[in-house]
Amino acid sequence: MLGKSLLSGTAWAFSGRVFLSVSALLLNVLLARLLSPAELGKYLLLFAFVSCATVFCQLGMAQAVVRFVSAALSERKLGRARSSVTSIFLSVTTVCVVVAILIYVKGGVFVRGLFDFDIGRGMAAAVAMWVSVSALQGLIAETFRGFNEISYATLFGGVISGALSIVALFLILVSRGVLSLYGVLIIIAGSMVVSGAIGAMALGKKVSTLENSGRVGLGEVLHLALPIFATNLFVFFLNYADLWILGMFLGTEDVAVYGVACRLAVIISLPLSIVNAVVPPVIVEMYTHRNYSALETLLRNVATVAAVPSLVVTAVFILFGPIVLRVTFGDYYVAGATVLAVLSVGQMANVWTGSCGYVLMMTGGQNALMWITVVCGACYVAVAFVVARNYGVFGLSACRAAVFALQNLLALLLVRKSLGIWTHARFRLPTFHL
């Protein structure tokens, strides 16, 4: 039964993650054709801002809901599953309203002070809406993941909204229409509103069928969620602080070149992201029943399967980076080839270590993971300011790759110490017994 569930979930996760990666790439390609490099750089900086605000809105509860719902279903306590979903959604929605108001009132001042370009009230409102629906859409998707409904988690985790955005931008491009940065924000946020509304109705129908017994208080939720929130916040700094730092010291054109290289490098971790979309409920179930040996076998096997295609893509990016950048984004962005090669090595290190971070989050190691991420993130930000000022985009990419690899290695060693298992890829292809 577990094997069939894993295969079905993997199929959905594979399709969804491939679509999300391709759509994210297509989105940036379309934007590179519709916007100037300076405008694309502004968009990437705003995207980083939205990602940070989304982390604040969710407060770590998007991952916590997976843990609560999966554990409740495994123990057949359906009332706790319903109570946890209700408590978490009320909390996140409240925070979203507060953050949206702050962005609308003070967002323009913050962006102008940090990146030295202006956004009006209309664009600030669009950013506020983007943040709110992004946080709620992510929470809806992760709640479905907790119910082990990987198909719904995939669809409402960005597939529907991504498809709508791509279609709208493509139609504007082929019709030779004119699109401003404000128009881009409206299209992306509007697509998320449509997806989130459909997902909320589907999730509400599912939760309403659960028995209304048991209680999960806000204190219990925050005890698990806040360490995850701190981890997510510093993961953000590891993933996006480089764009912010470049925006402070260099022009938005340099941000655009660096940003498109980052977007391509993320493709390397696609196989692992597929795995991580499926394994969290499985990790919780095996951990609950203390089946550590089978858990290690599963995690190392899927890490190995993920590492093979990632290694191929890494080699392509290192050897043929200028060609890839020219074909996808245009001649202006070929300057990011060296950055792409360096970032590819860091992404490959992430894939090789497997799902160690998710193992810690789903097995009570969220505090330790938080401290690993906090220390690595703080060191990265401190060093990145110096590196960006003196060595530009190349130095910053090397710093990012090194810290990213270190963080994942420490998480891998911590899983080994706490649970006695490894999660990294093997040097031989695995054999699955489902």
Protein backbone atom coordinates (compact mmCIF):
# COMPACT_ATOMS: atom_id res chain seq x y z
CA MET A 1 0.00 0.00 0.00
CA LEU A 2 2.86 2.34 0.90
CA GLY A 3 4.59 1.48 -2.37
CA LYS A 4 1.51 2.30 -4.44
CA SER A 5 1.00 5.56 -2.55
CA LEU A 6 4.63 6.50 -3.04
CA LEU A 7 4.51 5.71 -6.75
CA SER A 8 1.30 7.65 -7.28
CA GLY A 9 2.58 10.60 -5.28
CA THR A 10 5.90 10.54 -7.08
CA ALA A 11 4.15 10.58 -10.45
CA TRP A 12 2.12 13.62 -9.49
CA ALA A 13 5.06 15.33 -7.82
CA PHE A 14 7.29 14.60 -10.81
CA SER A 15 4.77 16.06 -13.25
CA GLY A 16 4.12 19.07 -11.03
CA ARG A 17 7.73 19.85 -10.24
CA VAL A 18 8.75 19.51 -13.87
CA PHE A 19 5.94 21.85 -14.84
CA LEU A 20 6.83 24.33 -12.08
CA SER A 21 10.48 24.36 -13.08
CA VAL A 22 9.69 24.70 -16.77
CA SER A 23 7.03 27.35 -16.11
CA ALA A 24 9.37 29.31 -13.83
CA LEU A 25 11.99 29.22 -16.55
CA LEU A 26 9.45 30.18 -19.22
CA LEU A 27 8.14 32.98 -17.00
CA ASN A 28 11.62 34.48 -16.73
CA VAL A 29 12.27 33.97 -20.43
CA LEU A 30 9.03 35.77 -21.30
CA LEU A 31 9.81 38.56 -18.87
CA ALA A 32 13.29 38.90 -20.35
CA ARG A 33 11.63 39.44 -23.74
CA LEU A 34 8.89 41.76 -22.46
CA LEU A 35 10.89 43.87 -20.00
CA SER A 36 14.21 45.67 -20.22
CA PRO A 37 17.13 44.23 -18.18
CA ALA A 38 16.65 47.03 -15.65
CA GLU A 39 12.93 46.25 -15.27
CA LEU A 40 13.66 42.52 -15.04
CA GLY A 41 16.15 43.28 -12.29
CA LYS A 42 13.46 45.22 -10.42
CA TYR A 43 11.06 42.31 -10.81
CA LEU A 44 13.63 39.86 -9.38
CA LEU A 45 14.24 42.14 -6.41
CA LEU A 46 10.49 42.42 -5.77
CA PHE A 47 10.19 38.64 -6.11
CA ALA A 48 12.82 38.27 -3.39
CA PHE A 49 10.91 40.77 -1.25
CA VAL A 50 7.67 38.84 -1.73
CA SER A 51 9.40 35.57 -0.86
CA CYS A 52 10.67 37.06 2.40
CA ALA A 53 7.25 38.51 3.30
CA THR A 54 5.62 35.15 2.50
CA VAL A 55 7.94 33.45 5.01
CA PHE A 56 6.82 35.96 7.65
CA CYS A 57 3.15 35.40 6.84
CA GLN A 58 3.38 31.63 7.13
CA LEU A 59 5.40 31.63 10.39
CA GLY A 60 6.63 28.10 9.65
CA MET A 61 3.07 26.76 9.72
CA ALA A 62 3.08 25.50 6.14
CA GLN A 63 5.53 22.76 7.16
CA ALA A 64 4.00 22.36 10.62
CA VAL A 65 0.59 21.52 9.14
CA VAL A 66 2.16 18.59 7.27
CA ARG A 67 3.52 17.23 10.53
CA PHE A 68 0.28 17.71 12.49
CA VAL A 69 -2.05 16.31 9.85
CA SER A 70 0.19 13.37 8.92
CA ALA A 71 0.70 12.39 12.56
CA ALA A 72 -3.02 12.72 13.34
CA LEU A 73 -4.01 10.54 10.39
CA SER A 74 -1.33 7.97 11.23
CA GLU A 75 -2.72 7.75 14.78
CA ARG A 76 -6.32 7.89 13.48
CA LYS A 77 -7.09 11.05 15.44
CA LEU A 78 -9.13 12.83 12.78
CA GLY A 79 -10.38 15.50 15.17
CA ARG A 80 -6.81 16.67 15.80
CA ALA A 81 -6.23 16.91 12.06
CA ARG A 82 -9.28 19.16 11.65
CA SER A 83 -8.42 21.28 14.68
CA SER A 84 -4.82 21.81 13.56
CA VAL A 85 -5.89 22.91 10.08
CA THR A 86 -8.44 25.36 11.51
CA SER A 87 -6.01 26.85 14.03
CA ILE A 88 -3.21 27.23 11.50
CA PHE A 89 -5.35 28.83 8.80
CA LEU A 90 -6.84 31.36 11.20
CA SER A 91 -3.37 32.32 12.40
CA VAL A 92 -1.83 32.67 8.93
CA THR A 93 -4.80 34.60 7.56
CA THR A 94 -4.56 37.10 10.41
CA VAL A 95 -0.85 37.61 9.83
CA CYS A 96 -1.44 38.01 6.08
CA VAL A 97 -3.89 40.86 6.67
CA VAL A 98 -1.45 42.68 8.96
CA VAL A 99 1.52 42.23 6.60
CA ALA A 100 -0.53 43.32 3.57
CA ILE A 101 -1.54 46.56 5.31
CA LEU A 102 2.09 47.27 6.27
CA ILE A 103 3.26 46.68 2.70
CA TYR A 104 0.59 48.96 1.27
CA VAL A 105 1.43 51.75 3.72
CA LYS A 106 5.22 51.44 4.03
CA GLY A 107 6.30 49.09 1.22
CA GLY A 108 7.26 51.90 -1.13
CA VAL A 109 9.49 53.53 1.50
CA PHE A 110 11.21 50.22 2.24
CA VAL A 111 11.90 49.39 -1.42
CA ARG A 112 13.15 52.90 -2.18
CA GLY A 113 15.48 52.88 0.82
CA LEU A 114 16.84 49.40 0.12
CA PHE A 115 17.05 49.23 -3.67
CA ASP A 116 16.86 52.89 -4.72
CA PHE A 117 13.85 52.67 -7.03
CA ASP A 118 10.26 53.75 -6.49
CA ILE A 119 6.99 51.86 -6.46
CA GLY A 120 3.72 53.76 -6.27
CA ARG A 121 0.67 52.93 -4.18
CA GLY A 122 -0.80 50.89 -7.03
CA MET A 123 2.28 48.68 -7.28
CA ALA A 124 2.49 48.45 -3.48
CA ALA A 125 -1.11 47.19 -3.44
CA ALA A 126 -0.24 44.59 -6.09
CA VAL A 127 2.78 43.44 -4.06
CA ALA A 128 0.62 43.21 -0.91
CA MET A 129 -1.90 41.05 -2.73
CA TRP A 130 0.90 38.91 -4.20
CA VAL A 131 2.34 38.27 -0.72
CA SER A 132 -1.01 37.33 0.85
CA VAL A 133 -2.18 34.94 -1.84
CA SER A 134 1.30 33.41 -2.12
CA ALA A 135 1.31 32.59 1.61
CA LEU A 136 -2.21 31.15 1.58
CA GLN A 137 -1.68 29.21 -1.66
CA GLY A 138 1.43 27.60 -0.19
CA LEU A 139 -0.42 26.73 3.01
CA ILE A 140 -3.29 25.14 1.08
CA ALA A 141 -0.86 23.02 -0.92
CA GLU A 142 1.06 21.85 2.15
CA THR A 143 -2.18 20.98 3.97
CA PHE A 144 -3.14 18.70 1.09
CA ARG A 145 0.37 17.21 1.34
CA GLY A 146 -0.29 16.43 5.00
CA PHE A 147 -3.42 14.53 3.91
CA ASN A 148 -1.13 12.73 1.43
CA GLU A 149 -3.18 14.21 -1.43
CA ILE A 150 -0.12 14.84 -3.58
CA SER A 151 -2.21 15.51 -6.69
CA TYR A 152 -4.03 18.45 -5.06
CA ALA A 153 -0.83 19.63 -3.37
CA THR A 154 0.79 19.73 -6.80
CA LEU A 155 -2.07 21.49 -8.58
CA PHE A 156 -2.58 24.16 -5.92
CA GLY A 157 1.13 24.49 -5.15
CA GLY A 158 1.75 26.57 -8.24
CA VAL A 159 0.73 24.52 -11.29
CA ILE A 160 -2.60 26.27 -11.87
CA SER A 161 -1.33 29.77 -11.09
CA GLY A 162 1.85 29.19 -13.10
CA ALA A 163 -0.10 28.02 -16.14
CA LEU A 164 -2.40 31.04 -16.00
CA SER A 165 0.54 33.44 -15.74
CA ILE A 166 2.43 31.80 -18.61
CA VAL A 167 -0.60 31.86 -20.92
CA ALA A 168 -1.32 35.52 -20.17
CA LEU A 169 2.28 36.63 -20.73
CA PHE A 170 2.65 34.54 -23.87
CA LEU A 171 -0.48 36.05 -25.40
CA ILE A 172 0.83 39.53 -24.68
CA LEU A 173 4.19 38.66 -26.26
CA VAL A 174 2.79 37.17 -29.48
CA SER A 175 0.33 40.04 -29.85
CA ARG A 176 3.26 42.46 -29.52
CA GLY A 177 1.53 44.14 -26.62
CA VAL A 178 3.19 46.49 -24.15
CA LEU A 179 3.54 45.32 -20.57
CA SER A 180 4.79 47.30 -17.57
CA LEU A 181 6.22 45.91 -14.35
CA TYR A 182 2.94 46.79 -12.66
CA GLY A 183 1.08 44.72 -15.24
CA VAL A 184 3.36 41.75 -14.54
CA LEU A 185 2.57 41.94 -10.82
CA ILE A 186 -1.17 42.07 -11.48
CA ILE A 187 -1.03 39.04 -13.78
CA ILE A 188 1.00 36.93 -11.33
CA ALA A 189 -1.02 37.90 -8.24
CA GLY A 190 -4.32 37.50 -10.10
CA SER A 191 -3.36 34.00 -11.23
CA MET A 192 -2.63 33.06 -7.62
CA VAL A 193 -6.01 34.44 -6.49
CA VAL A 194 -7.81 32.14 -8.94
CA SER A 195 -5.75 29.09 -7.91
CA GLY A 196 -6.07 29.86 -4.20
CA ALA A 197 -9.84 30.29 -4.38
CA ILE A 198 -10.31 26.91 -6.07
CA GLY A 199 -7.90 25.24 -3.64
CA ALA A 200 -9.61 26.76 -0.60
CA MET A 201 -12.98 25.40 -1.69
CA ALA A 202 -11.57 21.92 -2.28
CA LEU A 203 -9.74 21.90 1.06
CA GLY A 204 -12.77 23.21 2.95
CA LYS A 205 -14.88 20.39 1.55
CA LYS A 206 -12.31 17.80 2.65
CA VAL A 207 -11.82 19.17 6.16
CA SER A 208 -15.59 19.42 6.73
CA THR A 209 -15.86 15.62 6.47
CA LEU A 210 -13.56 15.10 9.49
CA GLU A 211 -15.00 14.60 12.93
CA ASN A 212 -15.16 17.72 15.08
CA SER A 213 -13.36 16.41 18.14
CA GLY A 214 -9.93 16.87 19.68
CA ARG A 215 -8.16 20.17 19.99
CA VAL A 216 -4.81 21.55 18.84
CA GLY A 217 -4.07 24.86 20.51
CA LEU A 218 -2.10 27.74 19.07
CA GLY A 219 0.65 27.22 21.63
CA GLU A 220 1.18 23.64 20.47
CA VAL A 221 1.31 24.78 16.86
CA LEU A 222 3.77 27.58 17.56
CA HIS A 223 6.04 25.26 19.55
CA LEU A 224 6.65 23.32 16.34
CA ALA A 225 6.22 26.12 13.82
CA LEU A 226 8.45 28.87 15.22
CA PRO A 227 11.75 26.95 14.90
CA ILE A 228 10.72 26.05 11.34
CA PHE A 229 9.91 29.72 10.74
CA ALA A 230 13.39 30.73 11.88
CA THR A 231 14.85 28.05 9.62
CA ASN A 232 12.77 29.24 6.66
CA LEU A 233 13.78 32.83 7.29
CA PHE A 234 17.47 32.02 7.11
CA VAL A 235 16.87 29.72 4.15
CA PHE A 236 15.45 32.80 2.49
CA PHE A 237 18.64 34.69 3.24
CA LEU A 238 20.66 31.83 1.76
CA ASN A 239 18.48 31.81 -1.36
CA TYR A 240 17.69 35.48 -1.95
CA ALA A 241 19.96 37.71 0.12
CA ASP A 242 22.47 37.73 -2.73
CA LEU A 243 19.91 39.48 -4.96
CA TRP A 244 19.22 42.07 -2.27
CA ILE A 245 22.93 42.66 -1.70
CA LEU A 246 23.56 43.05 -5.42
CA GLY A 247 20.64 45.46 -5.58
CA MET A 248 22.36 47.59 -2.93
CA PHE A 249 25.83 47.69 -4.49
CA LEU A 250 25.26 47.16 -8.23
CA GLY A 251 22.66 48.11 -10.82
CA THR A 252 19.43 46.26 -11.58
CA GLU A 253 21.01 45.07 -14.87
CA ASP A 254 23.61 43.09 -12.87
CA VAL A 255 20.81 41.74 -10.70
CA ALA A 256 19.05 40.52 -13.86
CA VAL A 257 22.17 38.70 -15.15
CA TYR A 258 22.79 37.05 -11.78
CA GLY A 259 19.11 36.28 -11.28
CA VAL A 260 18.62 34.40 -14.54
CA ALA A 261 21.71 32.29 -13.76
CA CYS A 262 20.18 31.43 -10.38
CA ARG A 263 16.90 30.46 -12.04
CA LEU A 264 18.69 28.04 -14.36
CA ALA A 265 20.80 26.53 -11.58
CA VAL A 266 17.66 25.69 -9.58
CA ILE A 267 16.75 23.17 -12.31
CA ILE A 268 19.55 20.95 -10.96
CA SER A 269 17.67 20.43 -7.70
CA LEU A 270 14.40 19.58 -9.50
CA PRO A 271 14.74 15.78 -8.96
CA LEU A 272 15.30 16.31 -5.23
CA SER A 273 12.38 18.74 -5.00
CA ILE A 274 10.19 16.00 -6.50
CA VAL A 275 11.36 13.64 -3.78
CA ASN A 276 10.77 16.25 -1.07
CA ALA A 277 7.24 16.80 -2.34
CA VAL A 278 6.40 13.15 -1.62
CA VAL A 279 8.46 11.88 1.32
CA PRO A 280 7.39 14.10 4.29
CA PRO A 281 4.25 12.06 5.16
CA VAL A 282 6.25 8.84 4.64
CA ILE A 283 9.00 10.11 6.95
CA VAL A 284 6.44 10.89 9.66
CA GLU A 285 4.81 7.45 9.34
CA MET A 286 8.09 5.50 9.44
CA TYR A 287 9.42 7.65 12.28
CA THR A 288 6.21 7.16 14.28
CA HIS A 289 6.65 3.39 14.00
CA ARG A 290 10.44 3.61 14.57
CA ASN A 291 11.19 1.87 11.27
CA TYR A 292 14.57 3.55 10.83
CA SER A 293 16.23 0.92 8.68
CA ALA A 294 13.52 1.04 6.03
CA LEU A 295 13.52 4.84 6.20
CA GLU A 296 17.25 5.00 5.50
CA THR A 297 16.95 2.57 2.60
CA LEU A 298 14.12 4.58 1.07
CA LEU A 299 15.80 7.97 1.49
CA ARG A 300 19.17 6.86 0.12
CA ASN A 301 17.55 5.13 -2.84
CA VAL A 302 15.50 8.13 -3.88
CA ALA A 303 18.49 10.44 -3.31
CA THR A 304 20.52 8.30 -5.70
CA VAL A 305 17.79 8.36 -8.34
CA ALA A 306 17.61 12.16 -7.97
CA ALA A 307 21.38 12.60 -8.21
CA VAL A 308 21.83 10.97 -11.63
CA PRO A 309 19.86 13.47 -13.79
CA SER A 310 21.09 16.35 -11.62
CA LEU A 311 24.68 15.41 -12.38
CA VAL A 312 23.94 15.40 -16.11
CA VAL A 313 22.36 18.87 -15.99
CA THR A 314 25.28 20.16 -13.90
CA ALA A 315 27.73 18.99 -16.56
CA VAL A 316 25.70 20.67 -19.31
CA PHE A 317 25.59 23.98 -17.45
CA ILE A 318 29.31 23.92 -16.73
CA LEU A 319 30.36 22.95 -20.27
CA PHE A 320 27.74 24.77 -22.35
CA GLY A 321 26.56 27.59 -20.07
CA PRO A 322 26.99 30.44 -22.60
CA ILE A 323 24.97 28.58 -25.23
CA VAL A 324 22.19 27.75 -22.77
CA LEU A 325 21.94 31.36 -21.59
CA ARG A 326 21.98 32.76 -25.13
CA VAL A 327 19.22 30.42 -26.32
CA THR A 328 16.97 30.92 -23.30
CA PHE A 329 17.38 34.57 -22.34
CA GLY A 330 19.31 36.29 -25.11
CA ASP A 331 22.81 37.61 -25.80
CA TYR A 332 22.76 40.14 -22.97
CA TYR A 333 22.67 37.38 -20.33
CA VAL A 334 25.63 35.30 -21.60
CA ALA A 335 27.76 37.20 -19.08
CA GLY A 336 26.23 34.99 -16.37
CA ALA A 337 27.82 31.75 -17.64
CA THR A 338 30.53 31.63 -14.96
CA VAL A 339 27.98 32.37 -12.26
CA LEU A 340 25.81 29.55 -13.59
CA ALA A 341 28.72 27.07 -13.43
CA VAL A 342 29.59 27.97 -9.83
CA LEU A 343 25.99 27.88 -8.62
CA SER A 344 25.48 24.52 -10.33
CA VAL A 345 28.15 22.94 -8.12
CA GLY A 346 26.39 24.21 -5.00
CA GLN A 347 23.04 22.86 -6.17
CA MET A 348 24.59 19.48 -6.90
CA ALA A 349 25.89 19.30 -3.32
CA ASN A 350 22.33 19.92 -2.14
CA VAL A 351 21.00 17.05 -4.23
CA TRP A 352 23.72 14.64 -3.10
CA THR A 353 22.83 15.06 0.61
CA GLY A 354 19.22 14.08 -0.04
CA SER A 355 16.20 14.93 2.15
CA CYS A 356 18.16 15.48 5.37
CA GLY A 357 16.48 18.81 6.13
CA TYR A 358 12.99 17.36 5.79
CA VAL A 359 13.95 14.42 8.00
CA LEU A 360 14.94 16.83 10.77
CA MET A 361 11.74 18.90 10.39
CA MET A 362 9.48 15.85 10.43
CA THR A 363 11.19 13.99 13.32
CA GLY A 364 11.53 16.63 16.02
CA GLY A 365 14.89 18.01 14.92
CA GLN A 366 13.53 21.38 13.84
CA ASN A 367 15.40 23.26 16.57
CA ALA A 368 18.77 21.83 15.56
CA LEU A 369 18.03 22.50 11.89
CA MET A 370 17.10 26.04 12.85
CA TRP A 371 20.48 26.65 14.48
CA ILE A 372 22.37 25.18 11.54
CA THR A 373 20.48 27.45 9.16
CA VAL A 374 20.79 30.50 11.42
CA VAL A 375 24.56 30.14 11.79
CA CYS A 376 25.12 29.43 8.09
CA GLY A 377 22.75 32.22 7.05
CA ALA A 378 24.35 34.77 9.37
CA CYS A 379 27.84 33.87 8.18
CA TYR A 380 26.72 34.04 4.57
CA VAL A 381 25.13 37.45 4.86
CA ALA A 382 28.15 38.85 6.72
CA VAL A 383 30.63 37.53 4.16
CA ALA A 384 28.40 38.31 1.17
CA PHE A 385 28.46 42.06 1.80
CA VAL A 386 32.26 42.08 1.62
CA VAL A 387 32.44 39.69 -1.33
CA ALA A 388 29.82 41.52 -3.40
CA ARG A 389 31.53 44.86 -2.92
CA ASN A 390 34.99 43.56 -3.89
CA TYR A 391 34.39 40.65 -6.28
CA GLY A 392 30.96 41.28 -7.78
CA VAL A 393 28.65 38.57 -9.06
CA PHE A 394 31.33 35.86 -9.37
CA GLY A 395 32.51 36.21 -5.79
CA LEU A 396 28.95 36.25 -4.51
CA SER A 397 28.04 33.09 -6.44
CA ALA A 398 31.09 31.25 -5.04
CA CYS A 399 30.16 32.34 -1.51
CA ARG A 400 26.59 31.17 -1.99
CA ALA A 401 27.60 27.76 -3.36
CA ALA A 402 30.07 27.13 -0.51
CA VAL A 403 27.63 28.05 2.28
CA PHE A 404 24.81 26.10 0.64
CA ALA A 405 26.99 22.97 0.53
CA LEU A 406 28.11 23.45 4.14
CA GLN A 407 24.55 23.81 5.42
CA ASN A 408 23.42 20.59 3.78
CA LEU A 409 26.48 18.67 4.95
CA LEU A 410 25.86 19.73 8.56
CA ALA A 411 22.20 18.68 8.29
CA LEU A 412 23.27 15.31 6.88
CA LEU A 413 25.65 14.72 9.79
CA LEU A 414 23.00 15.78 12.30
CA VAL A 415 20.50 13.25 10.92
CA ARG A 416 23.17 10.57 11.28
CA LYS A 417 23.84 11.59 14.88
CA SER A 418 20.19 11.88 15.97
CA LEU A 419 18.59 8.94 14.12
CA GLY A 420 21.58 6.81 13.14
CA ILE A 421 20.73 6.92 9.43
CA TRP A 422 22.19 8.46 6.28
CA THR A 423 20.18 10.26 3.61
CA HIS A 424 22.82 10.91 0.93
CA ALA A 425 23.02 9.34 -2.52
CA ARG A 426 24.85 6.08 -3.08
CA PHE A 427 27.48 5.46 -5.73
CA ARG A 428 25.38 2.71 -7.29
CA LEU A 429 21.85 2.65 -8.62
CA PRO A 430 19.33 1.30 -6.08
CA THR A 431 16.83 -1.52 -6.33
CA PHE A 432 13.37 -0.72 -5.00
CA HIS A 433 11.20 -3.35 -3.34
CA LEU A 434 7.70 -1.90 -3.26
